[in-house]
Protein backbone atom coordinates (compact mmCIF):
# COMPACT_ATOMS: atom_id res chain seq x y z
CA UNK A 1 -41.34 21.58 9.18
CA UNK A 2 -37.96 21.89 10.91
CA UNK A 3 -37.58 18.10 11.07
CA UNK A 4 -37.74 17.65 7.29
CA UNK A 5 -34.78 20.00 6.72
CA UNK A 6 -32.59 17.98 9.07
CA UNK A 7 -33.42 14.76 7.26
CA UNK A 8 -32.47 16.32 3.91
CA UNK A 9 -29.10 17.47 5.27
CA UNK A 10 -28.37 14.00 6.64
CA UNK A 11 -29.10 12.34 3.29
CA UNK A 12 -26.72 14.61 1.35
CA UNK A 13 -23.82 13.84 3.71
CA UNK A 14 -24.04 10.05 3.32
CA UNK A 15 -21.33 8.25 1.42
CA UNK A 16 -22.00 6.97 -2.10
CA UNK A 17 -22.07 3.19 -2.48
CA UNK A 18 -22.25 1.61 -5.92
CA UNK A 19 -22.55 -2.08 -6.86
CA UNK A 20 -21.57 -3.40 -10.28
CA UNK A 21 -23.23 -6.82 -10.60
CA UNK A 22 -21.69 -10.00 -11.95
CA UNK A 23 -23.50 -9.77 -15.30
CA UNK A 24 -21.54 -6.66 -16.29
CA UNK A 25 -18.33 -6.79 -18.36
CA UNK A 26 -16.47 -3.63 -19.25
CA UNK A 27 -13.09 -2.20 -20.34
CA UNK A 28 -11.49 1.18 -19.92
CA UNK A 29 -10.38 3.65 -17.30
CA UNK A 30 -12.64 4.17 -14.29
CA UNK A 31 -12.50 7.03 -11.77
CA UNK A 32 -14.89 7.09 -8.85
CA UNK A 33 -15.45 8.48 -5.37
CA UNK A 34 -16.85 6.75 -2.34
CA UNK A 35 -17.21 2.99 -2.14
CA UNK A 36 -17.72 0.63 -5.09
CA UNK A 37 -18.38 -3.09 -4.89
CA UNK A 38 -17.29 -4.81 -8.10
CA UNK A 39 -18.72 -8.26 -8.80
CA UNK A 40 -18.12 -8.17 -12.55
CA UNK A 41 -15.32 -8.58 -15.11
CA UNK A 42 -13.18 -5.52 -15.74
CA UNK A 43 -10.13 -4.85 -17.91
CA UNK A 44 -8.23 -1.57 -17.68
CA UNK A 45 -7.45 0.91 -14.92
CA UNK A 46 -9.33 1.72 -11.72
CA UNK A 47 -8.57 4.97 -9.86
CA UNK A 48 -10.11 6.15 -6.61
CA UNK A 49 -9.23 7.62 -3.25
CA UNK A 50 -12.14 5.66 -1.83
CA UNK A 51 -12.79 1.98 -1.16
CA UNK A 52 -12.95 -0.77 -3.77
CA UNK A 53 -14.57 -4.02 -2.65
CA UNK A 54 -13.84 -6.83 -5.13
CA UNK A 55 -16.47 -9.54 -4.85
CA UNK A 56 -15.85 -13.29 -5.00
CA UNK A 57 -17.01 -13.56 -8.63
CA UNK A 58 -15.11 -10.48 -9.87
CA UNK A 59 -12.16 -10.68 -12.26
CA UNK A 60 -9.94 -7.64 -12.82
CA UNK A 61 -7.14 -7.46 -15.39
CA UNK A 62 -5.22 -4.21 -15.13
CA UNK A 63 -3.93 -1.69 -12.64
CA UNK A 64 -5.76 -0.68 -9.50
CA UNK A 65 -5.00 2.56 -7.68
CA UNK A 66 -7.19 3.00 -4.59
CA UNK A 67 -7.40 4.29 -1.07
CA UNK A 68 -8.46 0.90 0.34
CA UNK A 69 -8.89 -2.43 -1.43
CA UNK A 70 -10.79 -5.35 0.08
CA UNK A 71 -10.72 -8.31 -2.28
CA UNK A 72 -12.21 -11.76 -2.37
CA UNK A 73 -12.05 -11.93 -6.17
CA UNK A 74 -9.33 -12.36 -8.79
CA UNK A 75 -6.96 -9.54 -9.74
CA UNK A 76 -4.24 -9.88 -12.36
CA UNK A 77 -2.27 -6.64 -12.21
CA UNK A 78 -0.52 -4.16 -9.96
CA UNK A 79 -2.26 -2.64 -6.95
CA UNK A 80 -1.35 0.66 -5.32
CA UNK A 81 -3.22 1.70 -2.19
CA UNK A 82 -2.78 4.77 0.00
CA UNK A 83 -4.44 3.18 3.04
CA UNK A 84 -4.52 -0.63 2.91
CA UNK A 85 -4.93 -3.81 0.87
CA UNK A 86 -6.80 -6.74 2.38
CA UNK A 87 -6.98 -10.08 0.55
CA UNK A 88 -9.72 -12.32 1.91
CA UNK A 89 -9.64 -16.13 1.82
CA UNK A 90 -11.05 -16.55 -1.72
CA UNK A 91 -8.86 -13.79 -3.22
CA UNK A 92 -6.29 -14.40 -5.96
CA UNK A 93 -3.75 -11.61 -6.53
CA UNK A 94 -1.18 -12.00 -9.30
CA UNK A 95 0.86 -8.82 -9.42
CA UNK A 96 2.74 -6.44 -7.19
CA UNK A 97 1.14 -4.66 -4.23
CA UNK A 98 2.22 -1.32 -2.83
CA UNK A 99 0.44 -0.24 0.33
CA UNK A 100 1.34 0.89 3.85
CA UNK A 101 -0.81 -1.93 5.29
CA UNK A 102 -1.14 -5.34 3.62
CA UNK A 103 -3.07 -8.28 5.05
CA UNK A 104 -3.49 -11.74 3.62
CA UNK A 105 -6.15 -14.02 5.03
CA UNK A 106 -5.46 -17.74 5.24
CA UNK A 107 -6.55 -19.37 1.97
CA UNK A 108 -5.85 -16.33 -0.23
CA UNK A 109 -3.34 -16.69 -3.08
CA UNK A 110 -0.72 -14.03 -3.73
CA UNK A 111 2.08 -14.05 -6.31
CA UNK A 112 4.06 -10.86 -6.61
CA UNK A 113 6.12 -8.46 -4.58
CA UNK A 114 4.95 -6.28 -1.74
CA UNK A 115 6.23 -2.82 -0.96
CA UNK A 116 4.94 -1.35 2.28
CA UNK A 117 6.85 1.92 1.92
CA UNK A 118 9.88 3.18 3.79
CA UNK A 119 10.55 1.43 7.07
CA UNK A 120 10.98 3.59 10.15
CA UNK A 121 14.62 3.90 11.12
CA UNK A 122 15.91 2.01 14.12
CA UNK A 123 18.58 3.71 16.24
CA UNK A 124 21.99 2.26 15.48
CA UNK A 125 20.81 0.03 12.62
CA UNK A 126 23.09 1.72 10.10
CA UNK A 127 26.05 1.28 12.47
CA UNK A 128 25.42 -2.47 12.63
CA UNK A 129 25.20 -2.74 8.84
CA UNK A 130 28.42 -0.71 8.37
CA UNK A 131 30.25 -2.86 10.91
CA UNK A 132 29.55 -6.08 8.98
CA UNK A 133 32.50 -7.36 6.97
CA UNK A 134 32.02 -7.12 3.24
CA UNK A 135 32.22 -10.00 0.78
CA UNK A 136 35.83 -9.17 -0.18
CA UNK A 137 37.01 -9.91 3.36
CA UNK A 138 35.34 -13.31 3.28
CA UNK A 139 36.90 -14.09 -0.11
CA UNK A 140 40.36 -12.95 1.07
CA UNK A 141 40.24 -15.22 4.09
CA UNK A 142 41.83 -17.92 1.91
CA UNK A 143 44.78 -18.36 4.23
CA UNK A 144 42.43 -19.73 6.90
CA UNK A 145 42.73 -23.50 6.82
CA UNK A 146 40.05 -25.98 7.89
CA UNK A 147 41.08 -28.30 10.74
CA UNK A 148 42.36 -31.80 10.02
CA UNK A 149 40.21 -33.52 12.63
CA UNK A 150 36.61 -34.59 12.01
CA UNK A 151 35.32 -33.36 15.39
CA UNK A 152 33.50 -30.02 15.14
CA UNK A 153 35.06 -29.04 11.79
CA UNK A 154 32.50 -26.33 11.00
CA UNK A 155 32.67 -24.59 14.35
CA UNK A 156 36.46 -24.58 14.37
CA UNK A 157 36.64 -23.26 10.79
CA UNK A 158 34.09 -20.56 11.67
CA UNK A 159 36.16 -19.57 14.72
CA UNK A 160 39.29 -19.35 12.57
CA UNK A 161 37.54 -17.13 10.03
CA UNK A 162 36.22 -14.90 12.81
CA UNK A 163 39.69 -14.60 14.33
CA UNK A 164 41.20 -13.70 10.95
CA UNK A 165 38.53 -11.10 10.31
CA UNK A 166 38.93 -9.51 13.73
CA UNK A 167 42.62 -8.90 13.13
CA UNK A 168 42.06 -7.25 9.73
CA UNK A 169 41.00 -3.67 9.31
CA UNK A 170 37.58 -3.10 7.82
CA UNK A 171 37.58 -0.49 5.04
CA UNK A 172 34.83 2.14 5.29
């Protein structure tokens, strides 16, 4: 009698897992919780905080906003993930990806831009960037003349430019 209650509690705490087979085609806006494996054709928007597994035969045209995306299918549209995006070897992704973690298995195809969020600051990195001469200094280095000899012309010209830049003040 006590054992049956424990089994019931365990069943209610399990995560939902849904499979949409490859014979299904649908359009629209989908919201779901838990994990969904999509092996079908879909056009529209997908929204979840859970996991979307895109099967090898799946084709998605639209935007995907998920917690985690694991894809071996074809997606034509933007992806935003709060946890990670993983493209497996048969995956095709045409569109931008925004996720803190992005992995691309060998053989997968990706065309788009990736944004992995703000990069942690590195001590002194801004000082290095501010110390670099700007383009105007390079353009105004016109009085620096290339050497007449053919031996090491690039290195000598580079040294001359460096010397000219060192002696100029860098505006801040």
